[in-house]
């Protein structure tokens, strides 16, 4: 089941939809789950990407004044053209395959590790949160360079013609390790988002009525994924603001970065700009990630259903 992967639960003999008896269905191979996750991730990116651009712009604004969601959209389109809303799209698209591979492998590894360590036979909400946090932390090591390039491309002052020019510039000025600027803040952003997302999905699915039809299952997936996306966004937005500030900062000889470490930066932004600054970009972020989380689960479940039909018994 896709939800077992997305919720940090390792695949096992009891991982079946409510309408199936235990042991009736064989778990799909990793390549099918990986492909479904990649397709779902790319679908979510293509659908909601402009909101991510607006979110980044709002987070990079310093001071207590900022544009709202509609104002930011209007300003970008009026001053830079509609195409600017898709600037920096290539890095996140390229990131999806390695990101999903690491996420699935990490979910499976940490889920099995925690189950074995605690002696539990089934995933609990606490273990689901712990597994999600661990998988998110693991995933962060893969996504940092892509996130860095994306932020540099989305910045209003960016003059880079393409992603590779950003990579060459970073390596030339800061070396290969420069591609990991913002690693620590990205680590915390992914850890807290995955913990909130996966833990919330687990709890919401337990509270929803039992799905008796495919349509009800899809609805439950969308509801739980959307609520999980909202919860993850509430928890991790302050860390995302810091990550954007660190990765978007100009670097060069004699320039001292204003922000270095996540938690001191949270305090600094709070003192200088007020608590609201820690949630800059929250509206476009939650508009993207709440329904985006639902879309992610919907596309994964649909794609896995196609794979099951293509492979036939014992997968179907």
Foldseek 3Di string as FASTA:
>chain_A
DLLCLLLLHADDQQPDAPVDDRPQADDDDPVLSLVLLLVLQVVLCVVQQLLVLLLLQQLQDAAQDGDDPVRSQVCCCVPPNPCLSCWLVVLSNVLSNVLSVLSRVQSNVQNVVVCVVVVPPGDDLVSSLVSQLRSLLRSLVSNQLSVLLSLLRSHPPRPDPHSVSVVVVQCVAPNPCSSNFLSQLSSQLRNQLSSQLSSQLVVQLVVDPRDPDPVSVLVNLQQSQLNSQLRSLVRRQLSVSLSSQRSNDDDDPPDDRPDHHRPVVSVVSCVRHNPVSSCGSSVSSSVSRNSSRSSSRNSSVVSLVVVCVVVDPSRD
